[in-house]
Amino acid sequence: MVIAKPHIQVRNLTVFYGKHCALKDVTLDIPDKKITVIIGPSGCGKTTLLKSFNRLIDLIDDVTVRGEVLVDGEDVFDPKADIIEIRRKMGLLFQRPYPLPMSIYDNVAYGPKIHGERDRDKLDSIVEDHLRQAGIWEEVKDRLDTPAWKLSIGQQQRLCLARGLAVEPEIILADEPTSALDPISAKKIEERLLTLKKELTVVVVTHNLRRARRLGDYGAFIYLGKLVEYGPMKQLLENPKDKRTQAYFKGEL
C-alpha cells in the first residue's frame, strides 16, 4: 500500500531476543502528520516495533536486528547513525509516566538544558509553551517548583508529554499511553495526541480497539511478530481482509 509522504519506513525488519524471533520481516510506511495505531495482543511484538524506531531496543541484552528503519530517509541502524539525534527527534510516552526526580519546571527544561539552552527567559517560555501544548499549564502554573511526583498519575503523564515535546521532536511514540489512567485523564491525553498530529507524526501502541478507532488514521495489526494487515483505520476495523484480523476483532484470538 502506498502512503503519501512516509515519515518512517520499515523494511524487512526482523528482531531476535536470543533465539526468540519477536518480529519477522515487517515492512510498512508510517505517514507524516497522521496517527498510526499498532494493534495486537500482548506479546505480539508491538512494543518491540516501537522501540526499534528510536533504538531503545539497543538497551535489551542479546538482541539481533536485521532490516532497516528509515527516518527522514536515513537508516537508524546504520553504524554511523547519531543515536542522540535519532532520539531527540522522537518523544516517548510509556504505559506509566516516569517523571524525573525534580520539579515540574525542571522536568520540562531538562531536555533543552541538555542541548545547551541556558537563557532563563527562553527556558521559561519553553516550559510554559510545552506545558500548554500538553494541556496541563493551567493546573500547574502556580506550583512549578513542586516536585513532579506530587502530581496525579494523569498529570504526570501529561508532564512527560510536555517534557518530550520540549526538545522539539518530529515524532511522538506512545506505548499504551492511557492504559494506566482514569477515564478523564485518558481523554485528555487522547485529545493532546489528536491536536499534535497537525504538526507531528504520532505512533500509538494499543490493544484497545475503541481507542484505536478514536485515534487512528492508519492501523497496523501485528500477530506473533508478523504484520498481518495494514491500512486506513476505518477500513481495517470495518472490513478486515485477513482471517486472523477478523478473529482478533471478534475476540477470538
Protein backbone atom coordinates (compact mmCIF):
# COMPACT_ATOMS: atom_id res chain seq x y z
CA MET A 1 0.00 0.00 0.00
CA VAL A 2 1.36 3.41 -0.99
CA ILE A 3 1.40 6.06 1.76
CA ALA A 4 1.72 9.71 0.78
CA LYS A 5 4.90 11.19 2.24
CA PRO A 6 6.00 8.45 4.65
CA HIS A 7 7.97 9.69 7.67
CA ILE A 8 9.10 6.29 8.95
CA GLN A 9 9.80 3.45 6.50
CA VAL A 10 10.27 -0.04 7.91
CA ARG A 11 11.90 -2.51 5.53
CA ASN A 12 12.11 -6.27 6.22
CA LEU A 13 12.63 -5.68 9.94
CA THR A 14 13.41 -8.83 11.91
CA VAL A 15 14.27 -8.78 15.61
CA PHE A 16 15.55 -11.66 17.76
CA TYR A 17 15.86 -11.75 21.54
CA GLY A 18 18.38 -14.53 21.86
CA LYS A 19 16.81 -17.30 19.77
CA HIS A 20 13.26 -15.92 20.07
CA CYS A 21 12.00 -14.12 16.98
CA ALA A 22 9.98 -11.13 18.24
CA LEU A 23 9.43 -9.52 14.81
CA LYS A 24 9.65 -11.23 11.44
CA ASP A 25 10.16 -9.43 8.14
CA VAL A 26 7.98 -6.39 8.92
CA THR A 27 7.61 -3.82 6.14
CA LEU A 28 5.38 -0.74 6.35
CA ASP A 29 5.34 3.01 5.77
CA ILE A 30 4.18 5.36 8.53
CA PRO A 31 2.85 8.65 7.15
CA ASP A 32 3.84 12.14 8.21
CA LYS A 33 1.45 14.15 10.41
CA LYS A 34 -1.00 11.29 10.94
CA ILE A 35 -1.70 8.92 13.82
CA THR A 36 -0.76 5.33 13.10
CA VAL A 37 -2.01 2.81 15.66
CA ILE A 38 -0.25 -0.53 16.12
CA ILE A 39 -2.78 -3.10 17.32
CA GLY A 40 -2.37 -6.63 18.59
CA PRO A 41 -2.49 -8.87 21.67
CA SER A 42 0.11 -8.74 24.43
CA GLY A 43 3.48 -10.20 23.48
CA CYS A 44 2.93 -9.96 19.73
CA GLY A 45 5.78 -7.53 19.01
CA LYS A 46 4.06 -4.12 19.15
CA THR A 47 6.43 -2.56 21.69
CA THR A 48 9.45 -4.16 20.02
CA LEU A 49 8.49 -2.42 16.78
CA LEU A 50 8.03 0.89 18.54
CA LYS A 51 11.36 0.66 20.34
CA SER A 52 13.14 -0.13 17.10
CA PHE A 53 12.23 3.31 15.77
CA ASN A 54 14.38 5.18 18.32
CA ARG A 55 16.90 2.41 19.01
CA LEU A 56 15.74 1.85 22.60
CA ILE A 57 15.87 -1.78 21.59
CA ASP A 58 19.65 -1.42 21.91
CA LEU A 59 19.24 -1.47 25.70
CA ILE A 60 17.98 -5.07 25.65
CA ASP A 61 20.54 -7.84 26.14
CA ASP A 62 21.23 -10.35 23.35
CA VAL A 63 19.17 -8.55 20.70
CA THR A 64 19.76 -9.04 16.98
CA VAL A 65 18.25 -6.69 14.40
CA ARG A 66 18.05 -7.22 10.66
CA GLY A 67 16.47 -4.95 8.07
CA GLU A 68 16.06 -1.18 8.04
CA VAL A 69 14.13 1.57 9.79
CA LEU A 70 14.38 4.77 7.76
CA VAL A 71 13.50 8.08 9.42
CA ASP A 72 13.63 11.05 7.06
CA GLY A 73 15.29 8.65 4.63
CA GLU A 74 18.17 7.69 6.94
CA ASP A 75 18.56 4.21 8.42
CA VAL A 76 18.59 4.48 12.22
CA PHE A 77 20.55 1.21 12.40
CA ASP A 78 23.37 2.48 10.20
CA PRO A 79 26.59 2.17 12.24
CA LYS A 80 27.26 5.86 11.54
CA ALA A 81 23.82 6.99 12.75
CA ASP A 82 23.74 9.60 15.54
CA ILE A 83 21.67 7.86 18.22
CA ILE A 84 21.34 11.04 20.30
CA GLU A 85 19.89 12.90 17.32
CA ILE A 86 17.60 9.98 16.46
CA ARG A 87 16.16 10.00 19.98
CA ARG A 88 15.86 13.79 20.01
CA LYS A 89 13.55 13.50 17.01
CA MET A 90 11.19 11.22 18.94
CA GLY A 91 9.25 11.98 22.09
CA LEU A 92 8.31 8.84 24.02
CA LEU A 93 5.32 8.13 26.27
CA PHE A 94 5.39 4.89 28.24
CA GLN A 95 2.46 2.97 29.70
CA ARG A 96 3.16 4.54 33.08
CA PRO A 97 4.62 8.04 33.45
CA TYR A 98 8.20 8.38 34.67
CA PRO A 99 8.75 11.99 35.73
CA LEU A 100 12.32 12.87 36.63
CA PRO A 101 13.05 13.28 40.38
CA MET A 102 12.94 17.06 40.20
CA SER A 103 10.46 19.93 39.96
CA ILE A 104 7.71 20.29 37.37
CA TYR A 105 9.67 23.16 35.80
CA ASP A 106 12.95 21.25 35.67
CA ASN A 107 11.30 18.20 34.12
CA VAL A 108 10.31 20.25 31.07
CA ALA A 109 13.52 22.31 30.99
CA TYR A 110 15.74 19.22 31.28
CA GLY A 111 15.94 18.38 27.57
CA PRO A 112 16.60 21.94 26.34
CA LYS A 113 19.31 22.31 29.01
CA ILE A 114 20.96 19.07 27.87
CA HIS A 115 21.04 20.52 24.35
CA GLY A 116 22.71 23.70 25.57
CA GLU A 117 19.94 26.19 26.37
CA ARG A 118 20.89 28.31 29.39
CA ASP A 119 18.92 31.55 28.95
CA ARG A 120 16.34 31.69 31.77
CA ASP A 121 13.81 33.74 29.82
CA LYS A 122 13.95 31.27 26.92
CA LEU A 123 13.62 28.34 29.30
CA ASP A 124 10.61 29.99 30.97
CA SER A 125 8.98 30.36 27.56
CA ILE A 126 9.80 26.76 26.57
CA VAL A 127 8.34 25.40 29.82
CA GLU A 128 5.12 27.38 29.51
CA ASP A 129 4.65 26.69 25.80
CA HIS A 130 5.03 22.94 26.17
CA LEU A 131 3.00 22.62 29.33
CA ARG A 132 0.27 24.39 27.37
CA GLN A 133 0.71 22.01 24.45
CA ALA A 134 0.35 19.09 26.85
CA GLY A 135 -2.81 20.60 28.33
CA ILE A 136 -1.54 20.96 31.89
CA TRP A 137 -0.33 24.58 32.21
CA GLU A 138 -3.42 25.92 33.96
CA GLU A 139 -3.21 23.14 36.55
CA VAL A 140 0.44 23.68 37.48
CA LYS A 141 1.41 27.27 36.58
CA ASP A 142 1.35 28.37 40.25
CA ARG A 143 3.44 25.46 41.54
CA LEU A 144 6.19 24.90 39.00
CA ASP A 145 8.74 24.38 41.81
CA THR A 146 6.70 21.49 43.25
CA PRO A 147 8.26 18.01 42.91
CA ALA A 148 6.78 16.27 39.88
CA TRP A 149 5.98 13.12 41.86
CA LYS A 150 3.31 15.04 43.77
CA LEU A 151 1.17 15.29 40.64
CA SER A 152 -1.58 12.77 39.95
CA ILE A 153 -0.77 9.91 37.56
CA GLY A 154 -2.76 11.61 34.80
CA GLN A 155 -0.95 14.90 35.35
CA GLN A 156 2.39 13.10 35.42
CA GLN A 157 1.65 11.58 32.02
CA ARG A 158 0.86 14.99 30.55
CA LEU A 159 4.02 16.36 32.17
CA CYS A 160 6.02 13.59 30.49
CA LEU A 161 4.38 14.56 27.21
CA ALA A 162 5.44 18.19 27.78
CA ARG A 163 8.98 17.01 28.59
CA GLY A 164 9.12 15.06 25.34
CA LEU A 165 7.78 18.00 23.31
CA ALA A 166 10.30 20.43 24.80
CA VAL A 167 13.13 19.09 22.62
CA GLU A 168 11.04 19.84 19.51
CA PRO A 169 10.63 16.26 18.23
CA GLU A 170 9.27 15.30 14.82
CA ILE A 171 7.62 12.13 16.06
CA ILE A 172 5.71 11.02 19.18
CA LEU A 173 5.92 7.32 20.10
CA ALA A 174 3.25 6.32 22.62
CA ASP A 175 3.21 2.82 24.16
CA GLU A 176 -0.22 2.22 25.73
CA PRO A 177 -0.09 5.83 26.98
CA THR A 178 -3.53 5.85 28.63
CA SER A 179 -3.95 2.30 29.92
CA ALA A 180 -2.88 3.21 33.49
CA LEU A 181 -5.00 6.37 33.63
CA ASP A 182 -8.51 7.17 34.80
CA PRO A 183 -11.04 7.91 32.00
CA ILE A 184 -10.82 11.71 32.37
CA SER A 185 -7.02 11.75 32.23
CA ALA A 186 -7.04 9.26 29.35
CA LYS A 187 -9.37 11.51 27.37
CA LYS A 188 -7.07 14.49 27.92
CA ILE A 189 -4.05 12.56 26.59
CA GLU A 190 -6.05 11.41 23.56
CA GLU A 191 -7.14 14.99 22.88
CA ARG A 192 -3.50 16.13 23.05
CA LEU A 193 -2.39 13.45 20.58
CA LEU A 194 -5.16 14.38 18.14
CA THR A 195 -4.05 18.02 18.33
CA LEU A 196 -0.35 17.19 17.98
CA LYS A 197 -0.81 15.25 14.74
CA LYS A 198 -1.31 18.59 12.97
CA GLU A 199 2.41 19.18 13.49
CA LEU A 200 3.95 15.78 14.30
CA THR A 201 3.88 12.15 13.27
CA VAL A 202 2.28 10.05 16.03
CA VAL A 203 2.60 6.28 16.52
CA VAL A 204 0.46 4.66 19.23
CA VAL A 205 0.61 1.09 20.51
CA THR A 206 -2.64 -0.26 21.97
CA HIS A 207 -4.74 -3.39 22.29
CA ASN A 208 -7.89 -1.30 22.86
CA LEU A 209 -9.95 -1.25 19.68
CA ARG A 210 -12.18 1.62 20.80
CA ARG A 211 -9.09 3.74 21.43
CA ALA A 212 -7.69 2.70 18.06
CA ARG A 213 -10.90 3.81 16.37
CA ARG A 214 -10.89 7.18 18.16
CA LEU A 215 -7.25 7.95 17.43
CA GLY A 216 -6.09 6.18 14.32
CA ASP A 217 -5.80 7.48 10.80
CA TYR A 218 -3.99 4.25 9.93
CA GLY A 219 -3.80 0.92 11.70
CA ALA A 220 -1.34 -1.98 11.68
CA PHE A 221 -2.36 -5.37 13.10
CA ILE A 222 0.56 -7.42 14.36
CA TYR A 223 0.21 -11.04 15.45
CA LEU A 224 3.00 -13.37 16.61
CA GLY A 225 5.65 -10.95 15.37
CA LYS A 226 4.25 -10.60 11.86
CA LEU A 227 2.49 -7.67 10.23
CA VAL A 228 -0.81 -9.24 9.25
CA GLU A 229 -2.68 -6.25 7.85
CA TYR A 230 -2.18 -2.51 7.42
CA GLY A 231 -4.35 0.27 6.06
CA PRO A 232 -6.69 3.17 6.85
CA MET A 233 -8.10 2.60 10.34
CA LYS A 234 -11.75 2.77 9.30
CA GLN A 235 -11.18 0.19 6.57
CA LEU A 236 -9.15 -2.06 8.88
CA LEU A 237 -11.79 -2.09 11.61
CA GLU A 238 -14.86 -2.33 9.40
CA ASN A 239 -13.61 -4.54 6.58
CA PRO A 240 -10.54 -6.55 7.63
CA LYS A 241 -9.34 -8.84 4.88
CA ASP A 242 -7.24 -11.36 6.78
CA LYS A 243 -8.96 -14.07 8.81
CA ARG A 244 -6.57 -13.51 11.73
CA THR A 245 -7.51 -9.83 11.86
CA GLN A 246 -11.19 -10.73 11.74
CA ALA A 247 -10.74 -13.24 14.55
CA TYR A 248 -8.85 -10.75 16.75
CA PHE A 249 -11.50 -8.07 16.30
CA LYS A 250 -14.16 -10.63 17.28
CA GLY A 251 -12.21 -11.51 20.44
CA GLU A 252 -11.31 -14.97 19.20
CA LEU A 253 -7.51 -14.51 19.31
